[in-house]
Amino acid sequence: MMDVYAKLPDELKYLIEPAEKFGNYSSEIQIAEFLDRAVESDLAELSAIAERYRVKGRNSGRQTYSILGQGLTTTNDCFHGF
């Protein structure tokens, strides 16, 4: 897992902690089960992370999405859920 983290650019390092906490779901069924038991604070935290990612991606162009997208498509790791 740390190899994937090492590949992240500095501006995406903030995703490591939430990936460890929330990112270990590899199917829609697992995601649905998580959402069924998630508390309001979990959803608020994920919403804030998504907004930060959306804003950072827009401000830095497609490079951020491209780098993260490569991790999504080439590895089967905790970033799968992002």
PDB file of N, CA and C in Angstrom:
ATOM      1  N   MET A   1       0.816  -1.193   0.000  1.00  0.00           N
ATOM      2  CA  MET A   1       0.000   0.000   0.000  1.00  0.00           C
ATOM      3  C   MET A   1       0.861   1.259   0.000  1.00  0.00           C
ATOM      4  N   MET A   2       1.946   1.213   0.712  1.00  0.00           N
ATOM      5  CA  MET A   2       2.785   2.405   0.798  1.00  0.00           C
ATOM      6  C   MET A   2       3.376   2.777  -0.559  1.00  0.00           C
ATOM      7  N   ASP A   3       3.584   1.785  -1.441  1.00  0.00           N
ATOM      8  CA  ASP A   3       4.082   2.093  -2.781  1.00  0.00           C
ATOM      9  C   ASP A   3       3.119   3.007  -3.521  1.00  0.00           C
ATOM     10  N   VAL A   4       1.835   2.771  -3.369  1.00  0.00           N
ATOM     11  CA  VAL A   4       0.832   3.619  -4.009  1.00  0.00           C
ATOM     12  C   VAL A   4       0.890   5.018  -3.426  1.00  0.00           C
ATOM     13  N   TYR A   5       0.997   5.098  -2.128  1.00  0.00           N
ATOM     14  CA  TYR A   5       1.065   6.406  -1.478  1.00  0.00           C
ATOM     15  C   TYR A   5       2.294   7.190  -1.918  1.00  0.00           C
ATOM     16  N   ALA A   6       3.396   6.507  -2.109  1.00  0.00           N
ATOM     17  CA  ALA A   6       4.630   7.173  -2.524  1.00  0.00           C
ATOM     18  C   ALA A   6       4.482   7.812  -3.901  1.00  0.00           C
ATOM     19  N   LYS A   7       3.599   7.268  -4.723  1.00  0.00           N
ATOM     20  CA  LYS A   7       3.393   7.791  -6.075  1.00  0.00           C
ATOM     21  C   LYS A   7       2.504   9.037  -6.099  1.00  0.00           C
ATOM     22  N   LEU A   8       1.807   9.282  -5.004  1.00  0.00           N
ATOM     23  CA  LEU A   8       0.915  10.439  -4.971  1.00  0.00           C
ATOM     24  C   LEU A   8       1.715  11.739  -4.962  1.00  0.00           C
ATOM     25  N   PRO A   9       1.288  12.711  -5.756  1.00  0.00           N
ATOM     26  CA  PRO A   9       1.929  14.021  -5.655  1.00  0.00           C
ATOM     27  C   PRO A   9       1.576  14.648  -4.306  1.00  0.00           C
ATOM     28  N   ASP A  10       2.402  15.573  -3.863  1.00  0.00           N
ATOM     29  CA  ASP A  10       2.205  16.189  -2.554  1.00  0.00           C
ATOM     30  C   ASP A  10       0.805  16.769  -2.382  1.00  0.00           C
ATOM     31  N   GLU A  11       0.237  17.338  -3.447  1.00  0.00           N
ATOM     32  CA  GLU A  11      -1.080  17.970  -3.313  1.00  0.00           C
ATOM     33  C   GLU A  11      -2.207  16.961  -3.092  1.00  0.00           C
ATOM     34  N   LEU A  12      -1.915  15.664  -3.228  1.00  0.00           N
ATOM     35  CA  LEU A  12      -2.936  14.647  -2.963  1.00  0.00           C
ATOM     36  C   LEU A  12      -2.656  13.817  -1.714  1.00  0.00           C
ATOM     37  N   LYS A  13      -1.614  14.141  -0.995  1.00  0.00           N
ATOM     38  CA  LYS A  13      -1.256  13.379   0.207  1.00  0.00           C
ATOM     39  C   LYS A  13      -2.366  13.398   1.258  1.00  0.00           C
ATOM     40  N   TYR A  14      -3.221  14.424   1.234  1.00  0.00           N
ATOM     41  CA  TYR A  14      -4.321  14.492   2.195  1.00  0.00           C
ATOM     42  C   TYR A  14      -5.324  13.352   1.996  1.00  0.00           C
ATOM     43  N   LEU A  15      -5.252  12.648   0.871  1.00  0.00           N
ATOM     44  CA  LEU A  15      -6.169  11.538   0.603  1.00  0.00           C
ATOM     45  C   LEU A  15      -5.750  10.236   1.293  1.00  0.00           C
ATOM     46  N   ILE A  16      -4.530  10.173   1.784  1.00  0.00           N
ATOM     47  CA  ILE A  16      -4.039   8.929   2.378  1.00  0.00           C
ATOM     48  C   ILE A  16      -4.859   8.521   3.598  1.00  0.00           C
ATOM     49  N   GLU A  17      -5.037   9.438   4.528  1.00  0.00           N
ATOM     50  CA  GLU A  17      -5.773   9.095   5.751  1.00  0.00           C
ATOM     51  C   GLU A  17      -7.212   8.651   5.465  1.00  0.00           C
ATOM     52  N   PRO A  18      -7.980   9.409   4.664  1.00  0.00           N
ATOM     53  CA  PRO A  18      -9.338   8.938   4.383  1.00  0.00           C
ATOM     54  C   PRO A  18      -9.358   7.656   3.538  1.00  0.00           C
ATOM     55  N   ALA A  19      -8.355   7.446   2.701  1.00  0.00           N
ATOM     56  CA  ALA A  19      -8.292   6.198   1.932  1.00  0.00           C
ATOM     57  C   ALA A  19      -8.129   5.006   2.873  1.00  0.00           C
ATOM     58  N   GLU A  20      -7.306   5.179   3.880  1.00  0.00           N
ATOM     59  CA  GLU A  20      -7.126   4.119   4.877  1.00  0.00           C
ATOM     60  C   GLU A  20      -8.429   3.877   5.653  1.00  0.00           C
ATOM     61  N   LYS A  21      -9.122   4.938   5.955  1.00  0.00           N
ATOM     62  CA  LYS A  21     -10.333   4.839   6.768  1.00  0.00           C
ATOM     63  C   LYS A  21     -11.536   4.367   5.966  1.00  0.00           C
ATOM     64  N   PHE A  22     -11.722   4.884   4.749  1.00  0.00           N
ATOM     65  CA  PHE A  22     -12.948   4.637   4.000  1.00  0.00           C
ATOM     66  C   PHE A  22     -12.767   3.866   2.694  1.00  0.00           C
ATOM     67  N   GLY A  23     -11.562   3.703   2.214  1.00  0.00           N
ATOM     68  CA  GLY A  23     -11.373   3.256   0.841  1.00  0.00           C
ATOM     69  C   GLY A  23     -11.275   1.779   0.587  1.00  0.00           C
ATOM     70  N   ASN A  24     -11.604   0.935   1.504  1.00  0.00           N
ATOM     71  CA  ASN A  24     -11.410  -0.490   1.316  1.00  0.00           C
ATOM     72  C   ASN A  24     -12.682  -1.196   0.853  1.00  0.00           C
ATOM     73  N   TYR A  25     -13.365  -0.627  -0.112  1.00  0.00           N
ATOM     74  CA  TYR A  25     -14.598  -1.201  -0.641  1.00  0.00           C
ATOM     75  C   TYR A  25     -14.419  -1.388  -2.145  1.00  0.00           C
ATOM     76  N   SER A  26     -14.500  -2.631  -2.597  1.00  0.00           N
ATOM     77  CA  SER A  26     -14.194  -2.895  -3.997  1.00  0.00           C
ATOM     78  C   SER A  26     -15.405  -3.281  -4.834  1.00  0.00           C
ATOM     79  N   SER A  27     -16.589  -3.236  -4.258  1.00  0.00           N
ATOM     80  CA  SER A  27     -17.789  -3.548  -5.036  1.00  0.00           C
ATOM     81  C   SER A  27     -18.914  -2.598  -4.643  1.00  0.00           C
ATOM     82  N   GLU A  28     -19.876  -2.503  -5.516  1.00  0.00           N
ATOM     83  CA  GLU A  28     -21.032  -1.647  -5.207  1.00  0.00           C
ATOM     84  C   GLU A  28     -21.788  -2.161  -3.996  1.00  0.00           C
ATOM     85  N   ILE A  29     -21.822  -3.457  -3.810  1.00  0.00           N
ATOM     86  CA  ILE A  29     -22.507  -4.034  -2.651  1.00  0.00           C
ATOM     87  C   ILE A  29     -21.814  -3.603  -1.358  1.00  0.00           C
ATOM     88  N   GLN A  30     -20.476  -3.669  -1.336  1.00  0.00           N
ATOM     89  CA  GLN A  30     -19.733  -3.236  -0.149  1.00  0.00           C
ATOM     90  C   GLN A  30     -19.945  -1.754   0.118  1.00  0.00           C
ATOM     91  N   ILE A  31     -19.963  -0.951  -0.922  1.00  0.00           N
ATOM     92  CA  ILE A  31     -20.196   0.489  -0.761  1.00  0.00           C
ATOM     93  C   ILE A  31     -21.587   0.730  -0.202  1.00  0.00           C
ATOM     94  N   ALA A  32     -22.593   0.033  -0.742  1.00  0.00           N
ATOM     95  CA  ALA A  32     -23.970   0.187  -0.259  1.00  0.00           C
ATOM     96  C   ALA A  32     -24.087  -0.223   1.203  1.00  0.00           C
ATOM     97  N   GLU A  33     -23.408  -1.306   1.577  1.00  0.00           N
ATOM     98  CA  GLU A  33     -23.430  -1.748   2.977  1.00  0.00           C
ATOM     99  C   GLU A  33     -22.788  -0.708   3.890  1.00  0.00           C
ATOM    100  N   PHE A  34     -21.664  -0.124   3.422  1.00  0.00           N
ATOM    101  CA  PHE A  34     -21.027   0.937   4.208  1.00  0.00           C
ATOM    102  C   PHE A  34     -21.997   2.106   4.384  1.00  0.00           C
ATOM    103  N   LEU A  35     -22.623   2.530   3.300  1.00  0.00           N
ATOM    104  CA  LEU A  35     -23.528   3.679   3.368  1.00  0.00           C
ATOM    105  C   LEU A  35     -24.725   3.410   4.267  1.00  0.00           C
ATOM    106  N   ASP A  36     -25.159   2.153   4.333  1.00  0.00           N
ATOM    107  CA  ASP A  36     -26.275   1.796   5.225  1.00  0.00           C
ATOM    108  C   ASP A  36     -25.907   1.971   6.696  1.00  0.00           C
ATOM    109  N   ARG A  37     -24.633   1.771   7.023  1.00  0.00           N
ATOM    110  CA  ARG A  37     -24.227   1.860   8.431  1.00  0.00           C
ATOM    111  C   ARG A  37     -23.427   3.129   8.757  1.00  0.00           C
ATOM    112  N   ALA A  38     -23.122   3.924   7.747  1.00  0.00           N
ATOM    113  CA  ALA A  38     -22.340   5.151   7.970  1.00  0.00           C
ATOM    114  C   ALA A  38     -23.137   6.137   8.823  1.00  0.00           C
ATOM    115  N   VAL A  39     -22.432   6.811   9.694  1.00  0.00           N
ATOM    116  CA  VAL A  39     -23.056   7.841  10.515  1.00  0.00           C
ATOM    117  C   VAL A  39     -22.888   9.193   9.812  1.00  0.00           C
ATOM    118  N   GLU A  40     -23.613  10.161  10.284  1.00  0.00           N
ATOM    119  CA  GLU A  40     -23.608  11.485   9.660  1.00  0.00           C
ATOM    120  C   GLU A  40     -22.204  12.087   9.571  1.00  0.00           C
ATOM    121  N   SER A  41     -21.390  11.873  10.591  1.00  0.00           N
ATOM    122  CA  SER A  41     -20.040  12.437  10.573  1.00  0.00           C
ATOM    123  C   SER A  41     -19.178  11.788   9.479  1.00  0.00           C
ATOM    124  N   ASP A  42     -19.377  10.498   9.217  1.00  0.00           N
ATOM    125  CA  ASP A  42     -18.657   9.839   8.111  1.00  0.00           C
ATOM    126  C   ASP A  42     -19.019  10.484   6.782  1.00  0.00           C
ATOM    127  N   LEU A  43     -20.309  10.681   6.561  1.00  0.00           N
ATOM    128  CA  LEU A  43     -20.771  11.263   5.302  1.00  0.00           C
ATOM    129  C   LEU A  43     -20.304  12.711   5.153  1.00  0.00           C
ATOM    130  N   ALA A  44     -20.288  13.447   6.255  1.00  0.00           N
ATOM    131  CA  ALA A  44     -19.804  14.830   6.210  1.00  0.00           C
ATOM    132  C   ALA A  44     -18.314  14.861   5.875  1.00  0.00           C
ATOM    133  N   GLU A  45     -17.549  13.952   6.466  1.00  0.00           N
ATOM    134  CA  GLU A  45     -16.109  13.885   6.184  1.00  0.00           C
ATOM    135  C   GLU A  45     -15.860  13.533   4.717  1.00  0.00           C
ATOM    136  N   LEU A  46     -16.569  12.544   4.204  1.00  0.00           N
ATOM    137  CA  LEU A  46     -16.414  12.163   2.795  1.00  0.00           C
ATOM    138  C   LEU A  46     -16.841  13.288   1.862  1.00  0.00           C
ATOM    139  N   SER A  47     -17.881  13.996   2.218  1.00  0.00           N
ATOM    140  CA  SER A  47     -18.334  15.128   1.410  1.00  0.00           C
ATOM    141  C   SER A  47     -17.282  16.226   1.359  1.00  0.00           C
ATOM    142  N   ALA A  48     -16.668  16.514   2.501  1.00  0.00           N
ATOM    143  CA  ALA A  48     -15.620  17.537   2.546  1.00  0.00           C
ATOM    144  C   ALA A  48     -14.404  17.124   1.715  1.00  0.00           C
ATOM    145  N   ILE A  49     -14.043  15.848   1.779  1.00  0.00           N
ATOM    146  CA  ILE A  49     -12.916  15.349   0.991  1.00  0.00           C
ATOM    147  C   ILE A  49     -13.229  15.454  -0.502  1.00  0.00           C
ATOM    148  N   ALA A  50     -14.442  15.064  -0.887  1.00  0.00           N
ATOM    149  CA  ALA A  50     -14.834  15.140  -2.294  1.00  0.00           C
ATOM    150  C   ALA A  50     -14.799  16.576  -2.797  1.00  0.00           C
ATOM    151  N   GLU A  51     -15.250  17.499  -1.984  1.00  0.00           N
ATOM    152  CA  GLU A  51     -15.233  18.913  -2.382  1.00  0.00           C
ATOM    153  C   GLU A  51     -13.801  19.424  -2.513  1.00  0.00           C
ATOM    154  N   ARG A  52     -12.955  19.058  -1.569  1.00  0.00           N
ATOM    155  CA  ARG A  52     -11.552  19.485  -1.645  1.00  0.00           C
ATOM    156  C   ARG A  52     -10.902  18.926  -2.908  1.00  0.00           C
ATOM    157  N   TYR A  53     -11.155  17.672  -3.215  1.00  0.00           N
ATOM    158  CA  TYR A  53     -10.609  17.040  -4.418  1.00  0.00           C
ATOM    159  C   TYR A  53     -11.143  17.725  -5.675  1.00  0.00           C
ATOM    160  N   ARG A  54     -12.442  18.026  -5.678  1.00  0.00           N
ATOM    161  CA  ARG A  54     -13.051  18.683  -6.837  1.00  0.00           C
ATOM    162  C   ARG A  54     -12.404  20.046  -7.076  1.00  0.00           C
ATOM    163  N   VAL A  55     -12.245  20.826  -6.019  1.00  0.00           N
ATOM    164  CA  VAL A  55     -11.661  22.163  -6.141  1.00  0.00           C
ATOM    165  C   VAL A  55     -10.192  22.074  -6.538  1.00  0.00           C
ATOM    166  N   LYS A  56      -9.438  21.202  -5.908  1.00  0.00           N
ATOM    167  CA  LYS A  56      -8.018  21.067  -6.249  1.00  0.00           C
ATOM    168  C   LYS A  56      -7.845  20.585  -7.678  1.00  0.00           C
ATOM    169  N   GLY A  57      -8.674  19.673  -8.117  1.00  0.00           N
ATOM    170  CA  GLY A  57      -8.590  19.177  -9.483  1.00  0.00           C
ATOM    171  C   GLY A  57      -8.864  20.265 -10.495  1.00  0.00           C
ATOM    172  N   ARG A  58      -9.821  21.095 -10.207  1.00  0.00           N
ATOM    173  CA  ARG A  58     -10.155  22.196 -11.106  1.00  0.00           C
ATOM    174  C   ARG A  58      -9.014  23.213 -11.156  1.00  0.00           C
ATOM    175  N   ASN A  59      -8.418  23.488  -9.994  1.00  0.00           N
ATOM    176  CA  ASN A  59      -7.359  24.494  -9.938  1.00  0.00           C
ATOM    177  C   ASN A  59      -6.050  24.026 -10.547  1.00  0.00           C
ATOM    178  N   SER A  60      -5.807  22.726 -10.570  1.00  0.00           N
ATOM    179  CA  SER A  60      -4.533  22.245 -11.098  1.00  0.00           C
ATOM    180  C   SER A  60      -4.692  21.573 -12.461  1.00  0.00           C
ATOM    181  N   GLY A  61      -5.858  21.702 -13.054  1.00  0.00           N
ATOM    182  CA  GLY A  61      -6.068  21.120 -14.374  1.00  0.00           C
ATOM    183  C   GLY A  61      -6.272  19.625 -14.303  1.00  0.00           C
ATOM    184  N   ARG A  62      -6.141  18.966 -15.425  1.00  0.00           N
ATOM    185  CA  ARG A  62      -6.398  17.529 -15.496  1.00  0.00           C
ATOM    186  C   ARG A  62      -5.267  16.683 -14.932  1.00  0.00           C
ATOM    187  N   GLN A  63      -4.120  17.265 -14.676  1.00  0.00           N
ATOM    188  CA  GLN A  63      -2.985  16.488 -14.204  1.00  0.00           C
ATOM    189  C   GLN A  63      -3.317  15.741 -12.911  1.00  0.00           C
ATOM    190  N   THR A  64      -3.959  16.398 -11.971  1.00  0.00           N
ATOM    191  CA  THR A  64      -4.295  15.750 -10.711  1.00  0.00           C
ATOM    192  C   THR A  64      -5.202  14.559 -10.950  1.00  0.00           C
ATOM    193  N   TYR A  65      -6.245  14.736 -11.743  1.00  0.00           N
ATOM    194  CA  TYR A  65      -7.152  13.643 -12.023  1.00  0.00           C
ATOM    195  C   TYR A  65      -6.442  12.521 -12.778  1.00  0.00           C
ATOM    196  N   SER A  66      -5.571  12.881 -13.680  1.00  0.00           N
ATOM    197  CA  SER A  66      -4.845  11.886 -14.455  1.00  0.00           C
ATOM    198  C   SER A  66      -3.958  11.036 -13.554  1.00  0.00           C
ATOM    199  N   ILE A  67      -3.235  11.673 -12.646  1.00  0.00           N
ATOM    200  CA  ILE A  67      -2.346  10.937 -11.745  1.00  0.00           C
ATOM    201  C   ILE A  67      -3.148  10.004 -10.860  1.00  0.00           C
ATOM    202  N   LEU A  68      -4.220  10.502 -10.272  1.00  0.00           N
ATOM    203  CA  LEU A  68      -5.035   9.662  -9.404  1.00  0.00           C
ATOM    204  C   LEU A  68      -5.722   8.586 -10.229  1.00  0.00           C
ATOM    205  N   GLY A  69      -6.184   8.937 -11.418  1.00  0.00           N
ATOM    206  CA  GLY A  69      -6.837   7.975 -12.283  1.00  0.00           C
ATOM    207  C   GLY A  69      -5.941   6.816 -12.642  1.00  0.00           C
ATOM    208  N   GLN A  70      -4.651   7.068 -12.824  1.00  0.00           N
ATOM    209  CA  GLN A  70      -3.713   5.986 -13.121  1.00  0.00           C
ATOM    210  C   GLN A  70      -3.671   5.011 -11.955  1.00  0.00           C
ATOM    211  N   GLY A  71      -3.682   5.534 -10.747  1.00  0.00           N
ATOM    212  CA  GLY A  71      -3.698   4.664  -9.572  1.00  0.00           C
ATOM    213  C   GLY A  71      -4.972   3.850  -9.502  1.00  0.00           C
ATOM    214  N   LEU A  72      -6.077   4.469  -9.884  1.00  0.00           N
ATOM    215  CA  LEU A  72      -7.350   3.775  -9.854  1.00  0.00           C
ATOM    216  C   LEU A  72      -7.396   2.627 -10.850  1.00  0.00           C
ATOM    217  N   THR A  73      -6.831   2.838 -12.019  1.00  0.00           N
ATOM    218  CA  THR A  73      -6.977   1.835 -13.061  1.00  0.00           C
ATOM    219  C   THR A  73      -5.869   0.786 -13.062  1.00  0.00           C
ATOM    220  N   THR A  74      -4.744   1.082 -12.432  1.00  0.00           N
ATOM    221  CA  THR A  74      -3.627   0.138 -12.523  1.00  0.00           C
ATOM    222  C   THR A  74      -3.380  -0.625 -11.228  1.00  0.00           C
ATOM    223  N   THR A  75      -4.089  -0.300 -10.171  1.00  0.00           N
ATOM    224  CA  THR A  75      -3.879  -1.017  -8.931  1.00  0.00           C
ATOM    225  C   THR A  75      -5.213  -1.423  -8.331  1.00  0.00           C
ATOM    226  N   ASN A  76      -5.196  -2.478  -7.555  1.00  0.00           N
ATOM    227  CA  ASN A  76      -6.381  -2.898  -6.831  1.00  0.00           C
ATOM    228  C   ASN A  76      -6.112  -2.627  -5.355  1.00  0.00           C
ATOM    229  N   ASP A  77      -6.260  -1.379  -4.982  1.00  0.00           N
ATOM    230  CA  ASP A  77      -5.892  -0.976  -3.624  1.00  0.00           C
ATOM    231  C   ASP A  77      -6.963  -0.093  -3.029  1.00  0.00           C
ATOM    232  N   CYS A  78      -6.650   0.523  -1.930  1.00  0.00           N
ATOM    233  CA  CYS A  78      -7.649   1.301  -1.213  1.00  0.00           C
ATOM    234  C   CYS A  78      -8.109   2.536  -1.960  1.00  0.00           C
ATOM    235  N   PHE A  79      -7.424   2.972  -3.004  1.00  0.00           N
ATOM    236  CA  PHE A  79      -7.884   4.127  -3.757  1.00  0.00           C
ATOM    237  C   PHE A  79      -9.029   3.763  -4.695  1.00  0.00           C
ATOM    238  N   HIS A  80      -9.330   2.474  -4.764  1.00  0.00           N
ATOM    239  CA  HIS A  80     -10.405   2.019  -5.644  1.00  0.00           C
ATOM    240  C   HIS A  80     -11.701   2.772  -5.367  1.00  0.00           C
ATOM    241  N   GLY A  81     -11.995   3.007  -4.094  1.00  0.00           N
ATOM    242  CA  GLY A  81     -13.236   3.659  -3.719  1.00  0.00           C
ATOM    243  C   GLY A  81     -13.299   5.132  -4.060  1.00  0.00           C
ATOM    244  N   PHE A  82     -12.173   5.743  -4.375  1.00  0.00           N
ATOM    245  CA  PHE A  82     -12.171   7.164  -4.702  1.00  0.00           C
ATOM    246  C   PHE A  82     -12.545   7.303  -6.125  1.00  0.00           C
TER     247      PHE A  82
END
